[in-house]
């Protein structure tokens, strides 16, 4: 089972979500050309938010059970005019059936879908806690 976590260091919260729904192939996320800071996956370590987050900003984690992947959304502007190079003229993803990990796992939290009301994915909050309490474990 995939775990989707959002680490918000300013609010000192970590929230775990369950994702549901499916891609509607609307192309809105590809039109917006979302930019991410991506860190290579790594196995568990003692830092609850992962060593790559530097304990700053808001990070989304995709935890596969064996590996942890961290992403930070830099920009999600549906009015931005730079399209993904894999988006076809009819707004379909040319790589939809064979997407890279980032595109396959996106969206990671409700924050990712907020700019895209037509997105077919939704989230249910599983649990929320304080980051400072988790780091004491």
N, C-alpha and C. Protein backbone atom coordinates (compact mmCIF):
# COMPACT_ATOMS: atom_id res chain seq x y z
N UNK A 1 0.84 -1.18 0.00
CA UNK A 1 0.00 0.00 0.00
C UNK A 1 0.89 1.25 0.00
N UNK A 2 0.55 2.20 -0.82
CA UNK A 2 1.25 3.46 -0.86
C UNK A 2 0.75 4.35 0.27
N UNK A 3 1.68 5.05 0.88
CA UNK A 3 1.32 6.05 1.87
C UNK A 3 1.68 7.40 1.28
N UNK A 4 0.76 8.34 1.35
CA UNK A 4 0.98 9.70 0.88
C UNK A 4 1.00 10.60 2.11
N UNK A 5 2.14 11.20 2.38
CA UNK A 5 2.28 12.06 3.53
C UNK A 5 2.64 13.47 3.10
N UNK A 6 2.14 14.44 3.85
CA UNK A 6 2.51 15.83 3.59
C UNK A 6 3.16 16.37 4.85
N UNK A 7 4.40 16.82 4.69
CA UNK A 7 5.19 17.37 5.79
C UNK A 7 5.15 18.89 5.67
N UNK A 8 4.47 19.55 6.59
CA UNK A 8 4.38 21.02 6.59
C UNK A 8 5.17 21.52 7.80
N UNK A 9 6.40 21.93 7.54
CA UNK A 9 7.29 22.32 8.64
C UNK A 9 6.88 23.64 9.28
N UNK A 10 6.27 24.55 8.53
CA UNK A 10 5.84 25.83 9.11
C UNK A 10 4.71 25.61 10.12
N UNK A 11 3.81 24.68 9.81
CA UNK A 11 2.70 24.38 10.70
C UNK A 11 3.04 23.27 11.70
N UNK A 12 4.23 22.66 11.56
CA UNK A 12 4.67 21.56 12.42
C UNK A 12 3.68 20.39 12.37
N UNK A 13 3.19 20.08 11.15
CA UNK A 13 2.25 18.97 11.01
C UNK A 13 2.69 18.01 9.93
N UNK A 14 2.38 16.75 10.15
CA UNK A 14 2.52 15.73 9.13
C UNK A 14 1.15 15.06 9.01
N UNK A 15 0.68 14.96 7.77
CA UNK A 15 -0.65 14.40 7.52
C UNK A 15 -0.52 13.25 6.55
N UNK A 16 -1.16 12.14 6.90
CA UNK A 16 -1.18 10.97 6.01
C UNK A 16 -2.52 10.93 5.30
N UNK A 17 -2.47 10.69 3.99
CA UNK A 17 -3.67 10.65 3.17
C UNK A 17 -3.79 9.32 2.45
N UNK A 18 -5.03 8.95 2.19
CA UNK A 18 -5.33 7.86 1.27
C UNK A 18 -5.87 8.52 0.01
N UNK A 19 -5.31 8.14 -1.13
CA UNK A 19 -5.76 8.71 -2.40
C UNK A 19 -6.80 7.80 -3.01
N UNK A 20 -7.82 8.39 -3.61
CA UNK A 20 -8.85 7.63 -4.32
C UNK A 20 -9.20 8.34 -5.62
N UNK A 21 -9.87 7.65 -6.49
CA UNK A 21 -10.25 8.22 -7.78
C UNK A 21 -9.30 7.75 -8.87
N UNK A 22 -9.39 8.40 -10.01
CA UNK A 22 -8.53 8.04 -11.13
C UNK A 22 -8.32 9.25 -12.02
N UNK A 23 -7.32 9.15 -12.86
CA UNK A 23 -7.00 10.23 -13.79
C UNK A 23 -8.12 10.36 -14.82
N UNK A 24 -8.60 11.57 -15.02
CA UNK A 24 -9.65 11.81 -16.00
C UNK A 24 -9.07 12.22 -17.35
N UNK A 25 -7.74 12.26 -17.43
CA UNK A 25 -7.02 12.64 -18.66
C UNK A 25 -7.43 14.02 -19.16
N UNK A 26 -7.69 14.93 -18.22
CA UNK A 26 -8.10 16.28 -18.60
C UNK A 26 -6.92 17.10 -19.11
N UNK A 27 -5.71 16.76 -18.70
CA UNK A 27 -4.52 17.47 -19.15
C UNK A 27 -4.21 18.75 -18.39
N UNK A 28 -5.01 19.11 -17.40
CA UNK A 28 -4.81 20.37 -16.68
C UNK A 28 -3.47 20.41 -15.96
N UNK A 29 -3.08 19.32 -15.34
CA UNK A 29 -1.79 19.30 -14.63
C UNK A 29 -0.63 19.39 -15.61
N UNK A 30 -0.79 18.83 -16.79
CA UNK A 30 0.25 18.90 -17.83
C UNK A 30 0.33 20.28 -18.45
N UNK A 31 -0.80 20.96 -18.56
CA UNK A 31 -0.83 22.33 -19.07
C UNK A 31 -0.12 23.27 -18.11
N UNK A 32 -0.27 23.03 -16.81
CA UNK A 32 0.30 23.92 -15.80
C UNK A 32 1.79 23.75 -15.66
N UNK A 33 2.31 22.66 -16.16
CA UNK A 33 3.75 22.38 -16.08
C UNK A 33 4.22 22.54 -14.63
N UNK A 34 3.73 21.66 -13.79
CA UNK A 34 4.09 21.68 -12.38
C UNK A 34 5.58 21.40 -12.26
N UNK A 35 6.24 22.18 -11.45
CA UNK A 35 7.67 21.99 -11.24
C UNK A 35 7.89 21.47 -9.84
N UNK A 36 8.77 20.49 -9.72
CA UNK A 36 9.04 19.85 -8.45
C UNK A 36 10.52 19.86 -8.14
N UNK A 37 10.83 19.90 -6.86
CA UNK A 37 12.15 19.54 -6.37
C UNK A 37 12.03 18.07 -6.04
N UNK A 38 12.88 17.25 -6.61
CA UNK A 38 12.78 15.80 -6.44
C UNK A 38 14.09 15.29 -5.84
N UNK A 39 13.97 14.41 -4.88
CA UNK A 39 15.15 13.78 -4.31
C UNK A 39 15.09 12.29 -4.55
N UNK A 40 16.25 11.73 -4.76
CA UNK A 40 16.33 10.29 -5.02
C UNK A 40 15.70 9.53 -3.86
N UNK A 41 15.09 8.41 -4.16
CA UNK A 41 14.48 7.62 -3.08
C UNK A 41 15.55 7.03 -2.18
N UNK A 42 15.18 6.79 -0.95
CA UNK A 42 16.09 6.14 -0.03
C UNK A 42 15.30 5.34 0.98
N UNK A 43 15.97 4.43 1.62
CA UNK A 43 15.33 3.61 2.63
C UNK A 43 15.13 4.43 3.89
N UNK A 44 14.42 3.88 4.80
CA UNK A 44 14.11 4.60 6.05
C UNK A 44 15.37 5.07 6.76
N UNK A 45 15.27 6.21 7.39
CA UNK A 45 16.34 6.69 8.25
C UNK A 45 15.69 7.18 9.55
N UNK A 46 16.46 7.74 10.43
CA UNK A 46 15.93 8.12 11.73
C UNK A 46 15.16 9.43 11.71
N UNK A 47 15.36 10.24 10.68
CA UNK A 47 14.62 11.52 10.60
C UNK A 47 13.23 11.26 10.08
N UNK A 48 12.25 11.70 10.80
CA UNK A 48 10.87 11.40 10.43
C UNK A 48 10.48 12.00 9.09
N UNK A 49 10.95 13.18 8.78
CA UNK A 49 10.58 13.82 7.52
C UNK A 49 11.55 13.55 6.41
N UNK A 50 12.57 12.79 6.67
CA UNK A 50 13.54 12.49 5.64
C UNK A 50 14.65 13.52 5.60
N UNK A 51 15.84 13.05 5.40
CA UNK A 51 17.00 13.94 5.43
C UNK A 51 17.01 14.95 4.30
N UNK A 52 16.32 14.68 3.20
CA UNK A 52 16.35 15.57 2.05
C UNK A 52 15.49 16.82 2.21
N UNK A 53 14.57 16.82 3.16
CA UNK A 53 13.66 17.96 3.31
C UNK A 53 14.31 19.16 3.98
N UNK A 54 15.41 18.97 4.67
CA UNK A 54 16.07 20.03 5.43
C UNK A 54 15.15 20.67 6.46
N UNK A 55 14.07 19.99 6.78
CA UNK A 55 13.09 20.47 7.77
C UNK A 55 12.58 21.87 7.46
N UNK A 56 12.36 22.15 6.17
CA UNK A 56 11.83 23.45 5.75
C UNK A 56 10.80 23.25 4.65
N UNK A 57 9.84 24.14 4.62
CA UNK A 57 8.86 24.13 3.54
C UNK A 57 7.81 23.05 3.69
N UNK A 58 7.15 22.77 2.59
CA UNK A 58 6.11 21.74 2.54
C UNK A 58 6.56 20.68 1.56
N UNK A 59 6.60 19.45 2.01
CA UNK A 59 7.06 18.34 1.19
C UNK A 59 5.99 17.27 1.16
N UNK A 60 5.85 16.63 0.00
CA UNK A 60 4.99 15.46 -0.10
C UNK A 60 5.89 14.23 -0.18
N UNK A 61 5.47 13.19 0.52
CA UNK A 61 6.22 11.93 0.52
C UNK A 61 5.33 10.84 -0.04
N UNK A 62 5.90 10.03 -0.92
CA UNK A 62 5.27 8.80 -1.36
C UNK A 62 6.10 7.69 -0.75
N UNK A 63 5.49 6.93 0.12
CA UNK A 63 6.20 5.88 0.84
C UNK A 63 5.68 4.55 0.31
N UNK A 64 6.56 3.78 -0.31
CA UNK A 64 6.14 2.50 -0.91
C UNK A 64 6.30 1.34 0.06
N UNK A 65 6.75 1.63 1.27
CA UNK A 65 7.01 0.57 2.24
C UNK A 65 8.49 0.25 2.29
N UNK A 66 9.12 0.24 1.15
CA UNK A 66 10.56 -0.02 1.08
C UNK A 66 11.34 1.26 0.83
N UNK A 67 10.78 2.13 0.02
CA UNK A 67 11.45 3.36 -0.37
C UNK A 67 10.59 4.57 -0.03
N UNK A 68 11.25 5.68 0.24
CA UNK A 68 10.57 6.95 0.50
C UNK A 68 11.00 7.92 -0.61
N UNK A 69 10.02 8.55 -1.25
CA UNK A 69 10.27 9.52 -2.31
C UNK A 69 9.73 10.87 -1.82
N UNK A 70 10.55 11.92 -1.91
CA UNK A 70 10.14 13.24 -1.46
C UNK A 70 10.07 14.21 -2.62
N UNK A 71 9.00 15.01 -2.64
CA UNK A 71 8.76 15.99 -3.68
C UNK A 71 8.32 17.30 -3.04
N UNK A 72 8.71 18.39 -3.63
CA UNK A 72 8.19 19.69 -3.21
C UNK A 72 7.69 20.40 -4.46
N UNK A 73 6.41 20.75 -4.43
CA UNK A 73 5.81 21.42 -5.57
C UNK A 73 6.29 22.88 -5.57
N UNK A 74 6.98 23.27 -6.61
CA UNK A 74 7.51 24.62 -6.72
C UNK A 74 6.50 25.59 -7.32
N UNK A 75 5.75 25.09 -8.28
CA UNK A 75 4.76 25.95 -8.93
C UNK A 75 3.66 25.07 -9.52
N UNK A 76 2.44 25.49 -9.33
CA UNK A 76 1.31 24.86 -10.00
C UNK A 76 0.40 25.98 -10.45
N UNK A 77 0.66 26.50 -11.61
CA UNK A 77 -0.08 27.64 -12.12
C UNK A 77 -0.84 27.22 -13.37
N UNK A 78 -2.15 27.02 -13.25
CA UNK A 78 -2.91 26.59 -14.42
C UNK A 78 -2.90 27.61 -15.55
N UNK A 79 -2.46 28.84 -15.30
CA UNK A 79 -2.41 29.86 -16.34
C UNK A 79 -1.02 29.96 -16.96
N UNK A 80 -0.07 29.17 -16.48
CA UNK A 80 1.29 29.21 -17.01
C UNK A 80 1.27 28.64 -18.43
N UNK A 81 2.00 29.23 -19.34
CA UNK A 81 1.90 28.86 -20.75
C UNK A 81 2.88 27.79 -21.21
N UNK A 82 3.60 27.17 -20.32
CA UNK A 82 4.54 26.12 -20.70
C UNK A 82 3.88 24.77 -20.52
N UNK A 83 3.72 24.05 -21.60
CA UNK A 83 3.08 22.73 -21.56
C UNK A 83 4.13 21.64 -21.41
N UNK A 84 3.73 20.54 -20.82
CA UNK A 84 4.60 19.37 -20.76
C UNK A 84 4.88 18.91 -22.19
N UNK A 85 6.09 18.50 -22.44
CA UNK A 85 6.46 18.08 -23.80
C UNK A 85 5.76 16.79 -24.22
N UNK A 86 5.20 16.05 -23.29
CA UNK A 86 4.49 14.81 -23.62
C UNK A 86 2.99 15.02 -23.86
N UNK A 87 2.52 16.26 -23.74
CA UNK A 87 1.11 16.55 -23.95
C UNK A 87 0.84 16.72 -25.44
N UNK A 88 -0.12 15.98 -25.95
CA UNK A 88 -0.44 16.02 -27.38
C UNK A 88 -1.34 17.22 -27.69
N UNK A 89 -1.58 17.47 -28.96
CA UNK A 89 -2.42 18.60 -29.38
C UNK A 89 -3.85 18.50 -28.88
N UNK A 90 -4.32 17.27 -28.65
CA UNK A 90 -5.68 17.10 -28.14
C UNK A 90 -5.70 16.96 -26.61
N UNK A 91 -4.67 17.48 -25.94
CA UNK A 91 -4.56 17.53 -24.47
C UNK A 91 -4.52 16.16 -23.80
N UNK A 92 -4.00 15.18 -24.48
CA UNK A 92 -3.83 13.86 -23.88
C UNK A 92 -2.34 13.61 -23.67
N UNK A 93 -2.03 12.84 -22.65
CA UNK A 93 -0.64 12.52 -22.35
C UNK A 93 -0.17 11.41 -23.28
N UNK A 94 0.89 11.67 -24.01
CA UNK A 94 1.43 10.67 -24.94
C UNK A 94 2.03 9.49 -24.18
N UNK A 95 2.37 9.69 -22.92
CA UNK A 95 2.99 8.64 -22.11
C UNK A 95 2.03 8.06 -21.08
N UNK A 96 0.73 8.33 -21.20
CA UNK A 96 -0.24 7.99 -20.15
C UNK A 96 -0.13 6.54 -19.69
N UNK A 97 0.02 5.62 -20.60
CA UNK A 97 0.08 4.20 -20.21
C UNK A 97 1.43 3.79 -19.64
N UNK A 98 2.46 4.58 -19.85
CA UNK A 98 3.80 4.24 -19.39
C UNK A 98 4.48 5.44 -18.75
N UNK A 99 3.78 6.06 -17.79
CA UNK A 99 4.28 7.28 -17.15
C UNK A 99 5.49 7.01 -16.26
N UNK A 100 6.28 8.05 -16.04
CA UNK A 100 7.38 7.96 -15.09
C UNK A 100 6.80 7.93 -13.66
N UNK A 101 7.61 7.61 -12.69
CA UNK A 101 7.13 7.48 -11.30
C UNK A 101 6.44 8.74 -10.82
N UNK A 102 7.03 9.90 -11.07
CA UNK A 102 6.45 11.16 -10.61
C UNK A 102 5.04 11.35 -11.15
N UNK A 103 4.86 11.19 -12.43
CA UNK A 103 3.55 11.38 -13.04
C UNK A 103 2.57 10.27 -12.64
N UNK A 104 3.07 9.07 -12.46
CA UNK A 104 2.22 7.94 -12.06
C UNK A 104 1.69 8.13 -10.65
N UNK A 105 2.50 8.68 -9.76
CA UNK A 105 2.10 8.84 -8.36
C UNK A 105 1.40 10.17 -8.07
N UNK A 106 1.57 11.17 -8.94
CA UNK A 106 0.93 12.45 -8.71
C UNK A 106 -0.57 12.32 -8.86
N UNK A 107 -1.37 12.95 -8.05
CA UNK A 107 -1.11 13.90 -6.99
C UNK A 107 -0.83 13.21 -5.66
N UNK A 108 -0.12 13.91 -4.79
CA UNK A 108 0.31 13.35 -3.51
C UNK A 108 -0.55 13.79 -2.34
N UNK A 109 -1.25 14.91 -2.47
CA UNK A 109 -2.07 15.43 -1.37
C UNK A 109 -3.10 16.40 -1.94
N UNK A 110 -4.06 16.80 -1.13
CA UNK A 110 -5.06 17.77 -1.62
C UNK A 110 -4.43 19.07 -2.11
N UNK A 111 -3.28 19.44 -1.57
CA UNK A 111 -2.60 20.66 -2.00
C UNK A 111 -2.25 20.58 -3.49
N UNK A 112 -1.93 19.39 -3.97
CA UNK A 112 -1.58 19.22 -5.39
C UNK A 112 -2.77 19.42 -6.31
N UNK A 113 -3.94 19.03 -5.87
CA UNK A 113 -5.12 19.10 -6.75
C UNK A 113 -5.90 20.41 -6.60
N UNK A 114 -5.57 21.22 -5.62
CA UNK A 114 -6.31 22.47 -5.38
C UNK A 114 -6.43 23.35 -6.62
N UNK A 115 -5.37 23.52 -7.43
CA UNK A 115 -5.51 24.36 -8.62
C UNK A 115 -6.29 23.70 -9.76
N UNK A 116 -6.67 22.43 -9.60
CA UNK A 116 -7.29 21.68 -10.69
C UNK A 116 -8.62 21.07 -10.25
N UNK A 117 -9.70 21.85 -10.23
CA UNK A 117 -10.98 21.33 -9.74
C UNK A 117 -11.53 20.18 -10.57
N UNK A 118 -11.07 20.03 -11.81
CA UNK A 118 -11.56 18.93 -12.66
C UNK A 118 -10.79 17.63 -12.44
N UNK A 119 -9.79 17.65 -11.58
CA UNK A 119 -9.00 16.44 -11.32
C UNK A 119 -9.88 15.34 -10.73
N UNK A 120 -9.68 14.12 -11.19
CA UNK A 120 -10.49 13.00 -10.75
C UNK A 120 -10.02 12.35 -9.46
N UNK A 121 -8.92 12.86 -8.88
CA UNK A 121 -8.41 12.29 -7.64
C UNK A 121 -8.92 13.08 -6.44
N UNK A 122 -9.11 12.36 -5.35
CA UNK A 122 -9.48 12.96 -4.08
C UNK A 122 -8.69 12.30 -2.97
N UNK A 123 -8.78 12.84 -1.78
CA UNK A 123 -8.01 12.33 -0.65
C UNK A 123 -8.86 12.24 0.60
N UNK A 124 -8.59 11.22 1.39
CA UNK A 124 -9.17 11.07 2.71
C UNK A 124 -8.04 11.15 3.71
N UNK A 125 -8.19 12.02 4.71
CA UNK A 125 -7.16 12.14 5.73
C UNK A 125 -7.22 10.92 6.64
N UNK A 126 -6.06 10.26 6.80
CA UNK A 126 -5.96 9.08 7.66
C UNK A 126 -5.58 9.49 9.08
N UNK A 127 -4.53 10.28 9.19
CA UNK A 127 -4.12 10.77 10.49
C UNK A 127 -3.27 12.02 10.34
N UNK A 128 -3.21 12.79 11.43
CA UNK A 128 -2.43 14.03 11.46
C UNK A 128 -1.72 14.08 12.79
N UNK A 129 -0.49 14.54 12.76
CA UNK A 129 0.29 14.67 13.99
C UNK A 129 1.27 15.81 13.90
N UNK A 130 1.97 16.01 14.98
CA UNK A 130 2.98 17.06 15.03
C UNK A 130 4.33 16.47 14.64
N UNK A 131 5.05 17.17 13.77
CA UNK A 131 6.36 16.71 13.33
C UNK A 131 7.31 16.63 14.52
N UNK A 132 7.28 17.64 15.38
CA UNK A 132 8.19 17.67 16.52
C UNK A 132 8.02 16.44 17.42
N UNK A 133 6.81 15.93 17.54
CA UNK A 133 6.57 14.73 18.34
C UNK A 133 7.14 13.50 17.65
N UNK A 134 7.04 13.42 16.33
CA UNK A 134 7.56 12.27 15.59
C UNK A 134 9.08 12.21 15.63
N UNK A 135 9.73 13.37 15.61
CA UNK A 135 11.18 13.40 15.61
C UNK A 135 11.76 12.99 16.96
N UNK A 136 10.92 13.02 18.00
CA UNK A 136 11.37 12.59 19.33
C UNK A 136 11.35 11.08 19.48
N UNK A 137 10.67 10.38 18.55
CA UNK A 137 10.55 8.91 18.63
C UNK A 137 11.88 8.22 18.55
